[in-house]
Structure formats: C-alpha cells, structure tokens
C-alpha cells in the first residue's frame, strides 16, 4: 500500500513539473516570436534608410562627375591655347633671329617690326594669363556649388536649386518653402535651410551676397503690400535680416533687392510656370576688387 501511494505521489510531481515546463516553453516561444518581428521591422527600416543614402550618394557622385567632365574640357581648351602660344613663340623667335641678319632692312624698320612682334608676344601672354584666371574662377565656383549642394543634400530639389549662370552662383529657394501665402515672414522650416546656406557663406568671406525676391504676375494689393514690387522687396529684406541677425552674416556684404514679376524663369500663363517664378534667389559673387583681381592674369601683376 505504501508503495502504491509513493508511485501516485511521484506521478503527480512529474505531471506538475511537465506543465510548468510547457508554460515556460510557450512563454519563451512568444518572446522569440516578438524578437523576430522586431528584428524584421528594424531590418526593413535600415534597408529603406540605406537605399535613401545610396540614392543621394549616387546623385552627388553624378554631379561631381559632371563637373569633372567640365573641368577636363576647360583643361583641353587651355592645352589648345598653350599649343598656339608655343607655336607663336617659335614663329616670333625665328622671325626675330632672321631680323638680326637682314642687313637690307633699315635699322628703323627692323626696330619697328621687332616692337610689333614683341607686342604680339605680350598680347599672347596676356591671353594665356586671362584664360588661366577664368579657369581659376570656374574652379572656385565649382567648389562653392559642391559645398552648397553637400550642405543642402537633405532638402527637396523642388524647393532649392544651386547652379552657375554666367559665371555666378545662384541659390534659388521656392516661396512655398520660405513664406506663407501673401506673407513676408520667413517660416521656421526655411530658417533651417537658410542656416545651412549661411554656414557656407560665412566660410567664404570673399563673397558678396545679393538676395533677390521674385513673384509671379498675379496682382496683389493688401494693407501690407502695395503690389508685387513691394512684396518681392520685403521678402528679400526678411531673408537678409535673418541671415544677419540669426546666422551672423556681415551686413556690409549683403544687398536686398526686389524684381517683382519682371524677371520670370518660366511663363506666367500656367500654374507650373507661375510656381517656378515665385522664388527668392541668393546670388553669390566675389567682391568687386577681388573679382577684378581674380580676372587679372598672374603674369601681368
């Protein structure tokens, strides 16, 4: 009888232990499933973020390759000019040597021809120096553009564009980003973008900053703004004031101007064109004295 009781007791203990183990196993399996789900979610998030980074990196690399191609083309132009200059030097040298042997030419005539040839040689040297200066200026512009695009990499390309036009760097910002409709106060979202532009401007003390406001042709007349001229000027002034007061850009480097509706980028006859025309442009140019110094050939100083 005692033996039977002992067996019953042992079976009860084993059964209870088995139930506890199954509960623990079920709990652990639930934790494993939760961890798998969280791991899958994080993996997908990382995959999306990695894709975005790779896309932006590819875009910047494409822009860099394009600028490198432009620079290579400039280099080819310089080589062609150098070849022409070398040819002229050889020709001039030969002519000068021959002039020394021409006893039939009067001394006065020979001197006149010699001066003309020397003047031509000086002119060719000036052209070569000017070309080198232009190439140097183009290189500085390319560096500035790449710095701006790198700083603005996270900003939508529809809202901000950076380009070089006629040897000058333009940063064009849409009014949708900068201002509320019919207002001239800069939005909080736009302050972040202007801060990134200001950091690049502050790194280039040699630059003058022109801020130009532009509108579409839709008329406006309110208590705050008499017309589009007035609106464009006040918007440009708001940007300049923010650059000075919040981001410490020196005021003597900046100019605020309004162009109204009179310098459109696109037609005002459709909504898409009017959207392009409503913009503020930050134009970066060398200071006048430094600009003329930049265009002065190095060998003429």
C-alpha atoms as a PDB file:
ATOM      1  CA  UNK A   1       0.000   0.000   0.000  1.00  0.00           C
ATOM      2  CA  UNK A   2       2.811   2.401   0.846  1.00  0.00           C
ATOM      3  CA  UNK A   3       4.442   1.540  -2.417  1.00  0.00           C
ATOM      4  CA  UNK A   4       1.271   2.439  -4.354  1.00  0.00           C
ATOM      5  CA  UNK A   5       0.987   5.783  -2.538  1.00  0.00           C
ATOM      6  CA  UNK A   6       4.591   6.551  -3.301  1.00  0.00           C
ATOM      7  CA  UNK A   7       4.025   5.888  -7.010  1.00  0.00           C
ATOM      8  CA  UNK A   8       0.941   8.115  -7.113  1.00  0.00           C
ATOM      9  CA  UNK A   9       2.864  10.922  -5.395  1.00  0.00           C
ATOM     10  CA  UNK A  10       5.785  10.602  -7.837  1.00  0.00           C
ATOM     11  CA  UNK A  11       3.450  10.718 -10.855  1.00  0.00           C
ATOM     12  CA  UNK A  12       1.819  13.892  -9.524  1.00  0.00           C
ATOM     13  CA  UNK A  13       5.186  15.619  -9.127  1.00  0.00           C
ATOM     14  CA  UNK A  14       6.298  14.642 -12.661  1.00  0.00           C
ATOM     15  CA  UNK A  15       2.979  15.831 -14.161  1.00  0.00           C
ATOM     16  CA  UNK A  16       3.184  19.178 -12.375  1.00  0.00           C
ATOM     17  CA  UNK A  17       6.771  19.641 -13.477  1.00  0.00           C
ATOM     18  CA  UNK A  18       5.783  18.889 -17.081  1.00  0.00           C
ATOM     19  CA  UNK A  19       3.012  21.517 -17.028  1.00  0.00           C
ATOM     20  CA  UNK A  20       5.387  24.180 -15.686  1.00  0.00           C
ATOM     21  CA  UNK A  21       7.962  23.349 -18.371  1.00  0.00           C
ATOM     22  CA  UNK A  22       5.360  23.676 -21.105  1.00  0.00           C
ATOM     23  CA  UNK A  23       4.273  27.088 -19.812  1.00  0.00           C
ATOM     24  CA  UNK A  24       7.870  28.295 -19.719  1.00  0.00           C
ATOM     25  CA  UNK A  25       8.461  26.956 -23.208  1.00  0.00           C
ATOM     26  CA  UNK A  26       5.344  28.706 -24.507  1.00  0.00           C
ATOM     27  CA  UNK A  27       6.460  31.970 -22.882  1.00  0.00           C
ATOM     28  CA  UNK A  28       9.926  31.725 -24.344  1.00  0.00           C
ATOM     29  CA  UNK A  29       8.490  30.956 -27.800  1.00  0.00           C
ATOM     30  CA  UNK A  30       6.323  34.074 -27.589  1.00  0.00           C
ATOM     31  CA  UNK A  31       9.387  36.163 -26.721  1.00  0.00           C
ATOM     32  CA  UNK A  32      11.272  34.623 -29.636  1.00  0.00           C
ATOM     33  CA  UNK A  33       8.395  35.470 -31.992  1.00  0.00           C
ATOM     34  CA  UNK A  34       8.303  39.068 -30.720  1.00  0.00           C
ATOM     35  CA  UNK A  35      12.068  39.407 -31.206  1.00  0.00           C
ATOM     36  CA  UNK A  36      11.783  38.012 -34.745  1.00  0.00           C
ATOM     37  CA  UNK A  37       9.033  40.521 -35.576  1.00  0.00           C
ATOM     38  CA  UNK A  38      11.062  43.438 -34.132  1.00  0.00           C
ATOM     39  CA  UNK A  39      14.176  42.252 -35.957  1.00  0.00           C
ATOM     40  CA  UNK A  40      12.266  42.136 -39.262  1.00  0.00           C
ATOM     41  CA  UNK A  41      10.875  45.645 -38.683  1.00  0.00           C
ATOM     42  CA  UNK A  42      14.306  47.091 -37.888  1.00  0.00           C
ATOM     43  CA  UNK A  43      15.868  45.310 -40.871  1.00  0.00           C
ATOM     44  CA  UNK A  44      13.280  46.804 -43.225  1.00  0.00           C
ATOM     45  CA  UNK A  45      13.784  50.288 -41.736  1.00  0.00           C
ATOM     46  CA  UNK A  46      17.555  50.021 -42.155  1.00  0.00           C
ATOM     47  CA  UNK A  47      17.101  48.764 -45.720  1.00  0.00           C
ATOM     48  CA  UNK A  48      14.941  51.784 -46.641  1.00  0.00           C
ATOM     49  CA  UNK A  49      17.348  54.252 -44.980  1.00  0.00           C
ATOM     50  CA  UNK A  50      20.320  52.605 -46.698  1.00  0.00           C
ATOM     51  CA  UNK A  51      18.541  52.889 -50.041  1.00  0.00           C
ATOM     52  CA  UNK A  52      17.913  56.613 -49.477  1.00  0.00           C
ATOM     53  CA  UNK A  53      21.583  57.198 -48.565  1.00  0.00           C
ATOM     54  CA  UNK A  54      22.781  55.263 -51.596  1.00  0.00           C
ATOM     55  CA  UNK A  55      20.463  57.246 -53.870  1.00  0.00           C
ATOM     56  CA  UNK A  56      21.689  60.603 -52.509  1.00  0.00           C
ATOM     57  CA  UNK A  57      25.295  59.439 -52.719  1.00  0.00           C
ATOM     58  CA  UNK A  58      24.793  58.412 -56.347  1.00  0.00           C
ATOM     59  CA  UNK A  59      23.231  61.810 -57.135  1.00  0.00           C
ATOM     60  CA  UNK A  60      26.170  63.698 -55.616  1.00  0.00           C
ATOM     61  CA  UNK A  61      28.644  61.444 -57.419  1.00  0.00           C
ATOM     62  CA  UNK A  62      26.857  62.101 -60.716  1.00  0.00           C
ATOM     63  CA  UNK A  63      27.082  65.858 -60.151  1.00  0.00           C
ATOM     64  CA  UNK A  64      30.764  65.561 -59.245  1.00  0.00           C
ATOM     65  CA  UNK A  65      31.428  63.515 -62.407  1.00  0.00           C
ATOM     66  CA  UNK A  66      29.649  66.152 -64.492  1.00  0.00           C
ATOM     67  CA  UNK A  67      31.755  68.947 -63.010  1.00  0.00           C
ATOM     68  CA  UNK A  68      34.899  66.884 -63.503  1.00  0.00           C
ATOM     69  CA  UNK A  69      33.976  66.497 -67.178  1.00  0.00           C
ATOM     70  CA  UNK A  70      33.511  70.269 -67.486  1.00  0.00           C
ATOM     71  CA  UNK A  71      36.873  70.850 -65.817  1.00  0.00           C
ATOM     72  CA  UNK A  72      38.531  68.380 -68.187  1.00  0.00           C
ATOM     73  CA  UNK A  73      37.041  70.263 -71.152  1.00  0.00           C
ATOM     74  CA  UNK A  74      38.486  73.501 -69.780  1.00  0.00           C
ATOM     75  CA  UNK A  75      41.822  71.753 -69.469  1.00  0.00           C
ATOM     76  CA  UNK A  76      41.675  70.771 -73.140  1.00  0.00           C
ATOM     77  CA  UNK A  77      40.957  74.376 -74.094  1.00  0.00           C
ATOM     78  CA  UNK A  78      43.944  75.522 -72.058  1.00  0.00           C
ATOM     79  CA  UNK A  79      46.151  72.945 -73.798  1.00  0.00           C
ATOM     80  CA  UNK A  80      44.996  74.138 -77.224  1.00  0.00           C
ATOM     81  CA  UNK A  81      45.767  77.741 -76.282  1.00  0.00           C
ATOM     82  CA  UNK A  82      49.149  76.672 -74.910  1.00  0.00           C
ATOM     83  CA  UNK A  83      49.943  74.873 -78.180  1.00  0.00           C
ATOM     84  CA  UNK A  84      49.013  78.013 -80.139  1.00  0.00           C
ATOM     85  CA  UNK A  85      51.149  80.122 -77.829  1.00  0.00           C
ATOM     86  CA  UNK A  86      54.125  77.789 -78.216  1.00  0.00           C
ATOM     87  CA  UNK A  87      53.747  77.958 -81.981  1.00  0.00           C
ATOM     88  CA  UNK A  88      53.637  81.761 -81.893  1.00  0.00           C
ATOM     89  CA  UNK A  89      56.688  81.838 -79.648  1.00  0.00           C
ATOM     90  CA  UNK A  90      58.631  79.652 -82.058  1.00  0.00           C
ATOM     91  CA  UNK A  91      57.494  81.743 -85.005  1.00  0.00           C
ATOM     92  CA  UNK A  92      58.318  85.010 -83.259  1.00  0.00           C
ATOM     93  CA  UNK A  93      61.727  83.709 -82.157  1.00  0.00           C
ATOM     94  CA  UNK A  94      62.538  82.666 -85.689  1.00  0.00           C
ATOM     95  CA  UNK A  95      61.437  85.980 -87.096  1.00  0.00           C
ATOM     96  CA  UNK A  96      63.465  87.901 -84.521  1.00  0.00           C
ATOM     97  CA  UNK A  97      66.536  85.838 -85.349  1.00  0.00           C
ATOM     98  CA  UNK A  98      66.064  86.492 -89.040  1.00  0.00           C
ATOM     99  CA  UNK A  99      65.582  90.191 -88.427  1.00  0.00           C
ATOM    100  CA  UNK A 100      69.038  90.345 -86.868  1.00  0.00           C
ATOM    101  CA  UNK A 101      70.513  89.058 -90.141  1.00  0.00           C
ATOM    102  CA  UNK A 102      68.565  91.267 -92.535  1.00  0.00           C
ATOM    103  CA  UNK A 103      71.105  93.933 -93.462  1.00  0.00           C
ATOM    104  CA  UNK A 104      68.868  95.211 -96.292  1.00  0.00           C
ATOM    105  CA  UNK A 105      66.211  96.377 -93.863  1.00  0.00           C
ATOM    106  CA  UNK A 106      66.766  99.750 -92.362  1.00  0.00           C
ATOM    107  CA  UNK A 107      67.546  99.884 -88.687  1.00  0.00           C
ATOM    108  CA  UNK A 108      64.413 101.927 -88.031  1.00  0.00           C
ATOM    109  CA  UNK A 109      62.183  99.486 -89.942  1.00  0.00           C
ATOM    110  CA  UNK A 110      63.718  96.477 -88.195  1.00  0.00           C
ATOM    111  CA  UNK A 111      63.165  98.095 -84.807  1.00  0.00           C
ATOM    112  CA  UNK A 112      59.531  98.798 -85.667  1.00  0.00           C
ATOM    113  CA  UNK A 113      58.917  95.210 -86.724  1.00  0.00           C
ATOM    114  CA  UNK A 114      60.700  93.911 -83.634  1.00  0.00           C
ATOM    115  CA  UNK A 115      58.489  96.031 -81.389  1.00  0.00           C
ATOM    116  CA  UNK A 116      55.376  94.779 -83.172  1.00  0.00           C
ATOM    117  CA  UNK A 117      56.429  91.172 -82.697  1.00  0.00           C
ATOM    118  CA  UNK A 118      57.227  91.765 -79.043  1.00  0.00           C
ATOM    119  CA  UNK A 119      53.851  93.440 -78.577  1.00  0.00           C
ATOM    120  CA  UNK A 120      52.186  90.405 -80.171  1.00  0.00           C
ATOM    121  CA  UNK A 121      54.102  88.115 -77.833  1.00  0.00           C
ATOM    122  CA  UNK A 122      52.990  90.186 -74.823  1.00  0.00           C
ATOM    123  CA  UNK A 123      49.411  90.056 -76.036  1.00  0.00           C
ATOM    124  CA  UNK A 124      49.562  86.271 -76.309  1.00  0.00           C
ATOM    125  CA  UNK A 125      50.958  86.061 -72.789  1.00  0.00           C
ATOM    126  CA  UNK A 126      48.106  88.231 -71.551  1.00  0.00           C
ATOM    127  CA  UNK A 127      45.535  85.977 -73.270  1.00  0.00           C
ATOM    128  CA  UNK A 128      47.105  82.924 -71.679  1.00  0.00           C
ATOM    129  CA  UNK A 129      47.064  84.574 -68.246  1.00  0.00           C
ATOM    130  CA  UNK A 130      43.449  85.660 -68.673  1.00  0.00           C
ATOM    131  CA  UNK A 131      42.426  82.136 -69.633  1.00  0.00           C
ATOM    132  CA  UNK A 132      44.202  80.770 -66.551  1.00  0.00           C
ATOM    133  CA  UNK A 133      42.370  83.305 -64.377  1.00  0.00           C
ATOM    134  CA  UNK A 134      38.996  82.330 -65.851  1.00  0.00           C
ATOM    135  CA  UNK A 135      39.785  78.677 -65.246  1.00  0.00           C
ATOM    136  CA  UNK A 136      40.710  79.515 -61.641  1.00  0.00           C
ATOM    137  CA  UNK A 137      37.422  81.374 -61.183  1.00  0.00           C
ATOM    138  CA  UNK A 138      35.445  78.438 -62.665  1.00  0.00           C
ATOM    139  CA  UNK A 139      37.222  76.085 -60.262  1.00  0.00           C
ATOM    140  CA  UNK A 140      36.286  78.280 -57.279  1.00  0.00           C
ATOM    141  CA  UNK A 141      32.649  78.356 -58.435  1.00  0.00           C
ATOM    142  CA  UNK A 142      32.584  74.569 -58.774  1.00  0.00           C
ATOM    143  CA  UNK A 143      33.936  74.171 -55.232  1.00  0.00           C
ATOM    144  CA  UNK A 144      31.311  76.596 -53.899  1.00  0.00           C
ATOM    145  CA  UNK A 145      28.484  74.770 -55.717  1.00  0.00           C
ATOM    146  CA  UNK A 146      29.588  71.375 -54.394  1.00  0.00           C
ATOM    147  CA  UNK A 147      29.812  72.738 -50.824  1.00  0.00           C
ATOM    148  CA  UNK A 148      26.293  74.175 -51.090  1.00  0.00           C
ATOM    149  CA  UNK A 149      24.823  71.004 -52.581  1.00  0.00           C
ATOM    150  CA  UNK A 150      26.508  68.884 -49.926  1.00  0.00           C
ATOM    151  CA  UNK A 151      25.129  71.146 -47.188  1.00  0.00           C
ATOM    152  CA  UNK A 152      21.615  71.049 -48.733  1.00  0.00           C
ATOM    153  CA  UNK A 153      21.631  67.317 -49.549  1.00  0.00           C
ATOM    154  CA  UNK A 154      18.586  66.591 -47.354  1.00  0.00           C
ATOM    155  CA  UNK A 155      16.449  69.388 -48.856  1.00  0.00           C
ATOM    156  CA  UNK A 156      13.917  68.625 -51.589  1.00  0.00           C
ATOM    157  CA  UNK A 157      15.331  69.538 -55.020  1.00  0.00           C
ATOM    158  CA  UNK A 158      11.975  71.085 -55.963  1.00  0.00           C
ATOM    159  CA  UNK A 159      12.354  73.639 -53.177  1.00  0.00           C
ATOM    160  CA  UNK A 160      16.060  74.549 -53.559  1.00  0.00           C
ATOM    161  CA  UNK A 161      18.324  74.573 -56.625  1.00  0.00           C
ATOM    162  CA  UNK A 162      22.008  75.513 -56.893  1.00  0.00           C
ATOM    163  CA  UNK A 163      23.505  76.414 -60.260  1.00  0.00           C
ATOM    164  CA  UNK A 164      26.072  78.584 -62.028  1.00  0.00           C
ATOM    165  CA  UNK A 165      24.739  81.139 -64.524  1.00  0.00           C
ATOM    166  CA  UNK A 166      27.073  83.441 -66.466  1.00  0.00           C
ATOM    167  CA  UNK A 167      29.915  82.712 -64.057  1.00  0.00           C
ATOM    168  CA  UNK A 168      27.860  83.460 -60.918  1.00  0.00           C
ATOM    169  CA  UNK A 169      26.495  81.002 -58.308  1.00  0.00           C
ATOM    170  CA  UNK A 170      22.719  81.128 -57.741  1.00  0.00           C
ATOM    171  CA  UNK A 171      20.802  79.520 -54.847  1.00  0.00           C
ATOM    172  CA  UNK A 172      17.104  79.597 -55.763  1.00  0.00           C
ATOM    173  CA  UNK A 173      14.568  78.866 -52.985  1.00  0.00           C
ATOM    174  CA  UNK A 174      10.836  78.442 -53.661  1.00  0.00           C
ATOM    175  CA  UNK A 175       8.355  80.722 -51.931  1.00  0.00           C
ATOM    176  CA  UNK A 176       6.459  77.589 -50.822  1.00  0.00           C
ATOM    177  CA  UNK A 177       9.393  76.771 -48.538  1.00  0.00           C
ATOM    178  CA  UNK A 178      10.251  80.327 -47.452  1.00  0.00           C
ATOM    179  CA  UNK A 179       6.918  82.057 -46.845  1.00  0.00           C
ATOM    180  CA  UNK A 180       3.237  81.637 -46.142  1.00  0.00           C
ATOM    181  CA  UNK A 181       0.974  82.773 -48.987  1.00  0.00           C
ATOM    182  CA  UNK A 182       0.873  86.585 -49.181  1.00  0.00           C
ATOM    183  CA  UNK A 183       3.326  86.962 -46.282  1.00  0.00           C
ATOM    184  CA  UNK A 184       6.952  88.123 -45.971  1.00  0.00           C
ATOM    185  CA  UNK A 185       7.959  86.456 -42.702  1.00  0.00           C
ATOM    186  CA  UNK A 186      10.358  83.525 -43.125  1.00  0.00           C
ATOM    187  CA  UNK A 187       8.912  80.184 -41.951  1.00  0.00           C
ATOM    188  CA  UNK A 188      10.581  78.096 -39.242  1.00  0.00           C
ATOM    189  CA  UNK A 189      11.219  75.318 -41.770  1.00  0.00           C
ATOM    190  CA  UNK A 190      13.012  77.763 -44.070  1.00  0.00           C
ATOM    191  CA  UNK A 191      15.254  79.022 -41.260  1.00  0.00           C
ATOM    192  CA  UNK A 192      16.975  75.632 -41.152  1.00  0.00           C
ATOM    193  CA  UNK A 193      17.690  75.792 -44.900  1.00  0.00           C
ATOM    194  CA  UNK A 194      18.965  79.375 -44.701  1.00  0.00           C
ATOM    195  CA  UNK A 195      21.185  78.377 -41.795  1.00  0.00           C
ATOM    196  CA  UNK A 196      22.910  75.777 -43.985  1.00  0.00           C
ATOM    197  CA  UNK A 197      23.417  78.348 -46.757  1.00  0.00           C
ATOM    198  CA  UNK A 198      24.716  80.871 -44.203  1.00  0.00           C
ATOM    199  CA  UNK A 199      27.370  78.437 -42.944  1.00  0.00           C
ATOM    200  CA  UNK A 200      28.804  78.169 -46.470  1.00  0.00           C
ATOM    201  CA  UNK A 201      28.608  81.961 -46.931  1.00  0.00           C
ATOM    202  CA  UNK A 202      30.440  82.520 -43.641  1.00  0.00           C
ATOM    203  CA  UNK A 203      33.178  80.147 -44.818  1.00  0.00           C
ATOM    204  CA  UNK A 204      33.729  82.314 -47.925  1.00  0.00           C
ATOM    205  CA  UNK A 205      34.426  85.833 -46.698  1.00  0.00           C
ATOM    206  CA  UNK A 206      35.424  86.880 -50.227  1.00  0.00           C
ATOM    207  CA  UNK A 207      31.803  86.691 -51.429  1.00  0.00           C
ATOM    208  CA  UNK A 208      29.177  89.398 -51.825  1.00  0.00           C
ATOM    209  CA  UNK A 209      25.574  88.280 -51.218  1.00  0.00           C
ATOM    210  CA  UNK A 210      22.669  89.625 -53.273  1.00  0.00           C
ATOM    211  CA  UNK A 211      19.203  88.447 -52.174  1.00  0.00           C
ATOM    212  CA  UNK A 212      16.555  88.962 -54.881  1.00  0.00           C
ATOM    213  CA  UNK A 213      12.822  88.465 -54.392  1.00  0.00           C
ATOM    214  CA  UNK A 214      10.715  87.356 -57.389  1.00  0.00           C
ATOM    215  CA  UNK A 215       6.960  86.922 -57.815  1.00  0.00           C
ATOM    216  CA  UNK A 216       4.576  85.662 -60.477  1.00  0.00           C
ATOM    217  CA  UNK A 217       2.330  88.032 -62.431  1.00  0.00           C
ATOM    218  CA  UNK A 218      -0.775  87.545 -60.242  1.00  0.00           C
ATOM    219  CA  UNK A 219      -1.609  91.024 -58.861  1.00  0.00           C
ATOM    220  CA  UNK A 220      -1.574  91.694 -55.124  1.00  0.00           C
ATOM    221  CA  UNK A 221      -2.808  94.695 -53.162  1.00  0.00           C
ATOM    222  CA  UNK A 222      -3.201  94.469 -49.403  1.00  0.00           C
ATOM    223  CA  UNK A 223      -2.625  96.584 -46.324  1.00  0.00           C
ATOM    224  CA  UNK A 224       0.874  95.069 -46.096  1.00  0.00           C
ATOM    225  CA  UNK A 225       1.895  95.052 -49.770  1.00  0.00           C
ATOM    226  CA  UNK A 226       1.012  97.630 -52.378  1.00  0.00           C
ATOM    227  CA  UNK A 227       1.999  95.402 -55.312  1.00  0.00           C
ATOM    228  CA  UNK A 228       4.411  92.638 -56.394  1.00  0.00           C
ATOM    229  CA  UNK A 229       7.346  95.070 -56.316  1.00  0.00           C
ATOM    230  CA  UNK A 230       6.625  95.732 -52.658  1.00  0.00           C
ATOM    231  CA  UNK A 231       6.130  92.049 -51.825  1.00  0.00           C
ATOM    232  CA  UNK A 232       9.382  90.951 -53.508  1.00  0.00           C
ATOM    233  CA  UNK A 233      11.454  93.654 -51.782  1.00  0.00           C
ATOM    234  CA  UNK A 234      10.055  92.904 -48.318  1.00  0.00           C
ATOM    235  CA  UNK A 235      10.605  89.183 -48.744  1.00  0.00           C
ATOM    236  CA  UNK A 236      14.222  89.748 -49.791  1.00  0.00           C
ATOM    237  CA  UNK A 237      14.691  92.074 -46.809  1.00  0.00           C
ATOM    238  CA  UNK A 238      13.311  89.420 -44.434  1.00  0.00           C
ATOM    239  CA  UNK A 239      15.866  86.895 -45.707  1.00  0.00           C
ATOM    240  CA  UNK A 240      18.745  89.378 -45.393  1.00  0.00           C
ATOM    241  CA  UNK A 241      17.687  90.357 -41.893  1.00  0.00           C
ATOM    242  CA  UNK A 242      17.529  86.692 -40.818  1.00  0.00           C
ATOM    243  CA  UNK A 243      20.977  85.951 -42.293  1.00  0.00           C
ATOM    244  CA  UNK A 244      22.401  88.894 -40.345  1.00  0.00           C
ATOM    245  CA  UNK A 245      20.615  88.592 -37.032  1.00  0.00           C
ATOM    246  CA  UNK A 246      20.437  84.819 -36.569  1.00  0.00           C
ATOM    247  CA  UNK A 247      23.359  83.497 -38.637  1.00  0.00           C
ATOM    248  CA  UNK A 248      25.847  86.393 -38.278  1.00  0.00           C
ATOM    249  CA  UNK A 249      26.421  87.130 -41.962  1.00  0.00           C
ATOM    250  CA  UNK A 250      28.086  90.569 -42.146  1.00  0.00           C
ATOM    251  CA  UNK A 251      25.532  93.167 -43.290  1.00  0.00           C
ATOM    252  CA  UNK A 252      28.074  95.072 -45.395  1.00  0.00           C
ATOM    253  CA  UNK A 253      28.365  92.002 -47.621  1.00  0.00           C
ATOM    254  CA  UNK A 254      24.630  91.798 -48.348  1.00  0.00           C
ATOM    255  CA  UNK A 255      22.132  93.586 -50.567  1.00  0.00           C
ATOM    256  CA  UNK A 256      18.347  93.061 -50.648  1.00  0.00           C
ATOM    257  CA  UNK A 257      16.505  93.662 -53.906  1.00  0.00           C
ATOM    258  CA  UNK A 258      13.057  93.020 -55.353  1.00  0.00           C
ATOM    259  CA  UNK A 259      12.477  92.195 -59.011  1.00  0.00           C
ATOM    260  CA  UNK A 260       8.723  91.749 -58.787  1.00  0.00           C
ATOM    261  CA  UNK A 261       7.273  89.773 -61.674  1.00  0.00           C
ATOM    262  CA  UNK A 262       9.665  91.183 -64.276  1.00  0.00           C
ATOM    263  CA  UNK A 263      12.438  88.554 -64.363  1.00  0.00           C
ATOM    264  CA  UNK A 264      10.472  85.277 -64.712  1.00  0.00           C
ATOM    265  CA  UNK A 265      12.116  81.871 -65.062  1.00  0.00           C
ATOM    266  CA  UNK A 266       9.095  80.476 -66.909  1.00  0.00           C
ATOM    267  CA  UNK A 267       5.837  81.556 -68.480  1.00  0.00           C
ATOM    268  CA  UNK A 268       3.183  83.084 -66.212  1.00  0.00           C
ATOM    269  CA  UNK A 269       0.434  81.686 -68.433  1.00  0.00           C
ATOM    270  CA  UNK A 270       0.128  78.416 -66.487  1.00  0.00           C
ATOM    271  CA  UNK A 271       0.286  77.241 -62.875  1.00  0.00           C
ATOM    272  CA  UNK A 272       3.545  75.316 -63.301  1.00  0.00           C
ATOM    273  CA  UNK A 273       5.304  78.370 -64.736  1.00  0.00           C
ATOM    274  CA  UNK A 274       3.982  80.695 -62.038  1.00  0.00           C
ATOM    275  CA  UNK A 275       5.219  78.242 -59.382  1.00  0.00           C
ATOM    276  CA  UNK A 276       8.733  78.445 -60.863  1.00  0.00           C
ATOM    277  CA  UNK A 277       8.606  82.250 -60.887  1.00  0.00           C
ATOM    278  CA  UNK A 278       7.684  82.599 -57.204  1.00  0.00           C
ATOM    279  CA  UNK A 279      11.163  82.343 -55.688  1.00  0.00           C
ATOM    280  CA  UNK A 280      13.934  84.081 -53.770  1.00  0.00           C
ATOM    281  CA  UNK A 281      17.456  83.919 -55.213  1.00  0.00           C
ATOM    282  CA  UNK A 282      20.668  84.220 -53.200  1.00  0.00           C
ATOM    283  CA  UNK A 283      23.374  85.304 -55.656  1.00  0.00           C
ATOM    284  CA  UNK A 284      26.996  84.805 -54.595  1.00  0.00           C
ATOM    285  CA  UNK A 285      29.716  86.809 -56.347  1.00  0.00           C
ATOM    286  CA  UNK A 286      33.285  87.820 -55.464  1.00  0.00           C
ATOM    287  CA  UNK A 287      33.686  91.322 -54.024  1.00  0.00           C
ATOM    288  CA  UNK A 288      34.373  93.775 -56.848  1.00  0.00           C
ATOM    289  CA  UNK A 289      38.023  94.416 -56.011  1.00  0.00           C
ATOM    290  CA  UNK A 290      38.686  90.709 -55.581  1.00  0.00           C
ATOM    291  CA  UNK A 291      36.718  89.950 -58.742  1.00  0.00           C
ATOM    292  CA  UNK A 292      38.904  92.227 -60.858  1.00  0.00           C
ATOM    293  CA  UNK A 293      41.987  90.843 -59.146  1.00  0.00           C
ATOM    294  CA  UNK A 294      40.788  87.342 -59.990  1.00  0.00           C
ATOM    295  CA  UNK A 295      40.497  88.285 -63.659  1.00  0.00           C
ATOM    296  CA  UNK A 296      43.937  89.919 -63.732  1.00  0.00           C
ATOM    297  CA  UNK A 297      46.409  87.455 -65.254  1.00  0.00           C
ATOM    298  CA  UNK A 298      49.008  86.336 -62.740  1.00  0.00           C
ATOM    299  CA  UNK A 299      51.971  87.133 -65.014  1.00  0.00           C
ATOM    300  CA  UNK A 300      50.800  90.726 -65.560  1.00  0.00           C
ATOM    301  CA  UNK A 301      50.924  91.655 -61.846  1.00  0.00           C
END
